[in-house]
């Protein structure tokens, strides 16, 4: 599945509700999921890590959808060579 396909899937399933909730509240849900991912990364359960990565990606898609951002297009800054070097 491509990023755009997953983003569309999330949009079709949740976007109406997500737009009503708005960006600030949705961002808080996203941050909560990032916190759960952080906790899982400190643990030993690979299945839990997988679940939390999926949740973070889904909420990121939600934020992108309600802010009219195409994530696949946004990622072109990496795939098309616009980013030089790395952060240490």
N, C-alpha and C. Protein backbone atom coordinates (compact mmCIF):
# COMPACT_ATOMS: atom_id res chain seq x y z
N UNK A 1 0.84 -1.18 0.00
CA UNK A 1 0.00 0.00 0.00
C UNK A 1 0.89 1.24 0.00
N UNK A 2 0.57 2.18 -0.85
CA UNK A 2 1.28 3.45 -0.92
C UNK A 2 0.80 4.37 0.22
N UNK A 3 1.62 5.35 0.55
CA UNK A 3 1.24 6.32 1.58
C UNK A 3 -0.08 6.99 1.20
N UNK A 4 -0.23 7.36 -0.06
CA UNK A 4 -1.45 8.05 -0.50
C UNK A 4 -2.68 7.16 -0.36
N UNK A 5 -2.53 5.87 -0.58
CA UNK A 5 -3.65 4.94 -0.42
C UNK A 5 -4.08 4.86 1.04
N UNK A 6 -3.09 4.77 1.93
CA UNK A 6 -3.41 4.72 3.36
C UNK A 6 -4.04 6.02 3.81
N UNK A 7 -3.52 7.15 3.34
CA UNK A 7 -4.09 8.44 3.71
C UNK A 7 -5.54 8.53 3.23
N UNK A 8 -5.83 8.06 2.03
CA UNK A 8 -7.21 8.05 1.53
C UNK A 8 -8.11 7.14 2.37
N UNK A 9 -7.58 5.97 2.74
CA UNK A 9 -8.33 5.05 3.59
C UNK A 9 -8.72 5.71 4.90
N UNK A 10 -7.76 6.36 5.55
CA UNK A 10 -8.02 7.06 6.81
C UNK A 10 -9.04 8.18 6.58
N UNK A 11 -8.91 8.89 5.48
CA UNK A 11 -9.84 9.97 5.15
C UNK A 11 -11.26 9.44 5.02
N UNK A 12 -11.43 8.39 4.24
CA UNK A 12 -12.76 7.84 4.01
C UNK A 12 -13.41 7.36 5.30
N UNK A 13 -12.60 6.83 6.19
CA UNK A 13 -13.14 6.25 7.42
C UNK A 13 -13.38 7.29 8.52
N UNK A 14 -12.52 8.30 8.60
CA UNK A 14 -12.54 9.18 9.79
C UNK A 14 -12.62 10.68 9.53
N UNK A 15 -12.43 11.14 8.30
CA UNK A 15 -12.21 12.58 8.10
C UNK A 15 -13.36 13.46 8.55
N UNK A 16 -14.59 13.06 8.33
CA UNK A 16 -15.72 13.91 8.74
C UNK A 16 -15.66 14.18 10.25
N UNK A 17 -15.44 13.14 11.02
CA UNK A 17 -15.35 13.29 12.48
C UNK A 17 -14.11 14.10 12.86
N UNK A 18 -13.00 13.82 12.17
CA UNK A 18 -11.75 14.50 12.49
C UNK A 18 -11.84 16.00 12.23
N UNK A 19 -12.49 16.38 11.12
CA UNK A 19 -12.64 17.82 10.82
C UNK A 19 -13.49 18.52 11.88
N UNK A 20 -14.52 17.83 12.36
CA UNK A 20 -15.36 18.43 13.41
C UNK A 20 -14.55 18.61 14.70
N UNK A 21 -13.66 17.68 15.00
CA UNK A 21 -12.83 17.77 16.20
C UNK A 21 -11.84 18.91 16.07
N UNK A 22 -11.30 19.11 14.87
CA UNK A 22 -10.36 20.21 14.63
C UNK A 22 -8.91 19.84 14.88
N UNK A 23 -8.05 20.70 14.40
CA UNK A 23 -6.62 20.44 14.49
C UNK A 23 -6.08 20.40 15.92
N UNK A 24 -6.41 21.37 16.79
CA UNK A 24 -5.81 21.33 18.13
C UNK A 24 -6.12 20.03 18.90
N UNK A 25 -7.37 19.61 18.90
CA UNK A 25 -7.73 18.39 19.63
C UNK A 25 -7.15 17.15 18.95
N UNK A 26 -7.14 17.16 17.64
CA UNK A 26 -6.58 16.02 16.91
C UNK A 26 -5.08 15.93 17.16
N UNK A 27 -4.41 17.06 17.20
CA UNK A 27 -2.98 17.06 17.51
C UNK A 27 -2.73 16.45 18.88
N UNK A 28 -3.58 16.72 19.85
CA UNK A 28 -3.41 16.15 21.19
C UNK A 28 -3.53 14.62 21.14
N UNK A 29 -4.47 14.10 20.33
CA UNK A 29 -4.58 12.65 20.16
C UNK A 29 -3.29 12.10 19.55
N UNK A 30 -2.75 12.81 18.55
CA UNK A 30 -1.51 12.40 17.91
C UNK A 30 -0.37 12.34 18.92
N UNK A 31 -0.25 13.38 19.74
CA UNK A 31 0.82 13.43 20.75
C UNK A 31 0.66 12.27 21.74
N UNK A 32 -0.57 11.96 22.12
CA UNK A 32 -0.80 10.84 23.02
C UNK A 32 -0.29 9.53 22.39
N UNK A 33 -0.57 9.36 21.11
CA UNK A 33 -0.10 8.16 20.41
C UNK A 33 1.43 8.12 20.33
N UNK A 34 2.05 9.27 20.12
CA UNK A 34 3.52 9.32 20.10
C UNK A 34 4.06 8.92 21.48
N UNK A 35 3.40 9.35 22.53
CA UNK A 35 3.79 8.95 23.88
C UNK A 35 3.67 7.45 24.08
N UNK A 36 2.60 6.86 23.57
CA UNK A 36 2.43 5.41 23.67
C UNK A 36 3.51 4.68 22.86
N UNK A 37 3.88 5.25 21.73
CA UNK A 37 4.97 4.67 20.94
C UNK A 37 6.27 4.73 21.73
N UNK A 38 6.53 5.86 22.37
CA UNK A 38 7.75 6.00 23.17
C UNK A 38 7.80 4.94 24.27
N UNK A 39 6.69 4.72 24.91
CA UNK A 39 6.63 3.70 25.96
C UNK A 39 6.90 2.32 25.39
N UNK A 40 6.29 2.03 24.25
CA UNK A 40 6.47 0.70 23.65
C UNK A 40 7.92 0.48 23.20
N UNK A 41 8.58 1.54 22.76
CA UNK A 41 9.97 1.41 22.32
C UNK A 41 10.89 1.02 23.47
N UNK A 42 10.50 1.34 24.68
CA UNK A 42 11.29 0.98 25.85
C UNK A 42 11.03 -0.46 26.28
N UNK A 43 10.02 -1.08 25.69
CA UNK A 43 9.65 -2.45 26.06
C UNK A 43 10.22 -3.49 25.11
N UNK A 44 9.78 -4.71 25.31
CA UNK A 44 10.29 -5.84 24.54
C UNK A 44 9.29 -6.41 23.54
N UNK A 45 8.07 -5.90 23.53
CA UNK A 45 7.03 -6.48 22.68
C UNK A 45 7.08 -5.88 21.28
N UNK A 46 7.49 -6.70 20.33
CA UNK A 46 7.52 -6.24 18.93
C UNK A 46 6.10 -5.95 18.43
N UNK A 47 5.15 -6.77 18.81
CA UNK A 47 3.76 -6.57 18.38
C UNK A 47 3.22 -5.24 18.88
N UNK A 48 3.54 -4.88 20.12
CA UNK A 48 3.09 -3.60 20.68
C UNK A 48 3.73 -2.44 19.92
N UNK A 49 5.02 -2.56 19.60
CA UNK A 49 5.70 -1.51 18.84
C UNK A 49 5.03 -1.33 17.48
N UNK A 50 4.73 -2.45 16.82
CA UNK A 50 4.06 -2.39 15.52
C UNK A 50 2.72 -1.67 15.62
N UNK A 51 1.94 -2.02 16.63
CA UNK A 51 0.63 -1.39 16.83
C UNK A 51 0.77 0.11 17.03
N UNK A 52 1.73 0.51 17.84
CA UNK A 52 1.89 1.93 18.13
C UNK A 52 2.41 2.70 16.92
N UNK A 53 3.32 2.11 16.13
CA UNK A 53 3.74 2.76 14.90
C UNK A 53 2.55 2.98 13.97
N UNK A 54 1.69 1.98 13.87
CA UNK A 54 0.50 2.09 13.02
C UNK A 54 -0.41 3.21 13.52
N UNK A 55 -0.60 3.30 14.83
CA UNK A 55 -1.46 4.34 15.40
C UNK A 55 -0.90 5.74 15.11
N UNK A 56 0.41 5.89 15.27
CA UNK A 56 1.04 7.19 15.01
C UNK A 56 0.87 7.57 13.55
N UNK A 57 1.07 6.61 12.65
CA UNK A 57 0.91 6.89 11.22
C UNK A 57 -0.53 7.27 10.89
N UNK A 58 -1.48 6.56 11.48
CA UNK A 58 -2.90 6.85 11.22
C UNK A 58 -3.26 8.26 11.70
N UNK A 59 -2.80 8.64 12.89
CA UNK A 59 -3.10 9.98 13.40
C UNK A 59 -2.36 11.07 12.62
N UNK A 60 -1.16 10.76 12.12
CA UNK A 60 -0.46 11.70 11.27
C UNK A 60 -1.24 11.93 9.98
N UNK A 61 -1.78 10.85 9.41
CA UNK A 61 -2.63 10.98 8.22
C UNK A 61 -3.86 11.81 8.52
N UNK A 62 -4.44 11.61 9.68
CA UNK A 62 -5.60 12.39 10.07
C UNK A 62 -5.27 13.88 10.12
N UNK A 63 -4.16 14.21 10.76
CA UNK A 63 -3.75 15.62 10.83
C UNK A 63 -3.51 16.18 9.43
N UNK A 64 -2.86 15.40 8.59
CA UNK A 64 -2.61 15.86 7.22
C UNK A 64 -3.93 16.07 6.49
N UNK A 65 -4.85 15.14 6.63
CA UNK A 65 -6.13 15.25 5.93
C UNK A 65 -6.89 16.51 6.32
N UNK A 66 -6.98 16.78 7.60
CA UNK A 66 -7.79 17.93 8.02
C UNK A 66 -7.07 19.25 7.79
N UNK A 67 -5.80 19.16 7.39
CA UNK A 67 -5.05 20.36 7.04
C UNK A 67 -4.70 20.39 5.56
N UNK A 68 -5.38 19.52 4.79
CA UNK A 68 -5.25 19.49 3.33
C UNK A 68 -3.81 19.32 2.86
N UNK A 69 -3.09 18.42 3.52
CA UNK A 69 -1.70 18.11 3.15
C UNK A 69 -1.65 16.70 2.58
N UNK A 70 -1.09 16.57 1.40
CA UNK A 70 -0.86 15.28 0.77
C UNK A 70 0.50 14.78 1.26
N UNK A 71 0.50 13.77 2.11
CA UNK A 71 1.74 13.30 2.72
C UNK A 71 2.73 12.75 1.69
N UNK A 72 2.21 12.06 0.70
CA UNK A 72 3.11 11.52 -0.32
C UNK A 72 3.83 12.66 -1.05
N UNK A 73 3.10 13.70 -1.37
CA UNK A 73 3.71 14.86 -2.02
C UNK A 73 4.68 15.55 -1.06
N UNK A 74 4.29 15.67 0.20
CA UNK A 74 5.17 16.30 1.19
C UNK A 74 6.48 15.53 1.33
N UNK A 75 6.43 14.22 1.21
CA UNK A 75 7.63 13.39 1.35
C UNK A 75 8.57 13.50 0.17
N UNK A 76 8.11 14.13 -0.90
CA UNK A 76 8.98 14.31 -2.06
C UNK A 76 10.23 15.13 -1.73
N UNK A 77 10.17 15.92 -0.68
CA UNK A 77 11.37 16.67 -0.31
C UNK A 77 12.51 15.71 0.01
N UNK A 78 12.18 14.49 0.45
CA UNK A 78 13.19 13.47 0.70
C UNK A 78 13.45 12.62 -0.54
N UNK A 79 12.40 12.24 -1.23
CA UNK A 79 12.56 11.31 -2.35
C UNK A 79 13.10 11.97 -3.61
N UNK A 80 12.96 13.28 -3.72
CA UNK A 80 13.44 13.98 -4.91
C UNK A 80 14.77 14.69 -4.67
N UNK A 81 15.39 14.43 -3.52
CA UNK A 81 16.73 14.95 -3.28
C UNK A 81 16.82 16.37 -2.76
N UNK A 82 15.73 16.92 -2.25
CA UNK A 82 15.77 18.29 -1.75
C UNK A 82 16.50 18.41 -0.41
N UNK A 83 16.57 17.32 0.34
CA UNK A 83 17.20 17.36 1.66
C UNK A 83 18.65 16.91 1.50
N UNK A 84 19.55 17.75 1.95
CA UNK A 84 20.98 17.45 1.89
C UNK A 84 21.49 17.20 3.30
N UNK A 85 22.29 16.16 3.45
CA UNK A 85 22.89 15.88 4.74
C UNK A 85 21.92 15.30 5.75
N UNK A 86 22.29 15.43 7.00
CA UNK A 86 21.50 14.89 8.09
C UNK A 86 21.77 15.68 9.36
N UNK A 87 20.85 15.50 10.32
CA UNK A 87 21.04 16.15 11.62
C UNK A 87 21.76 15.18 12.53
N UNK A 88 22.67 15.70 13.29
CA UNK A 88 23.40 14.84 14.23
C UNK A 88 22.73 14.85 15.57
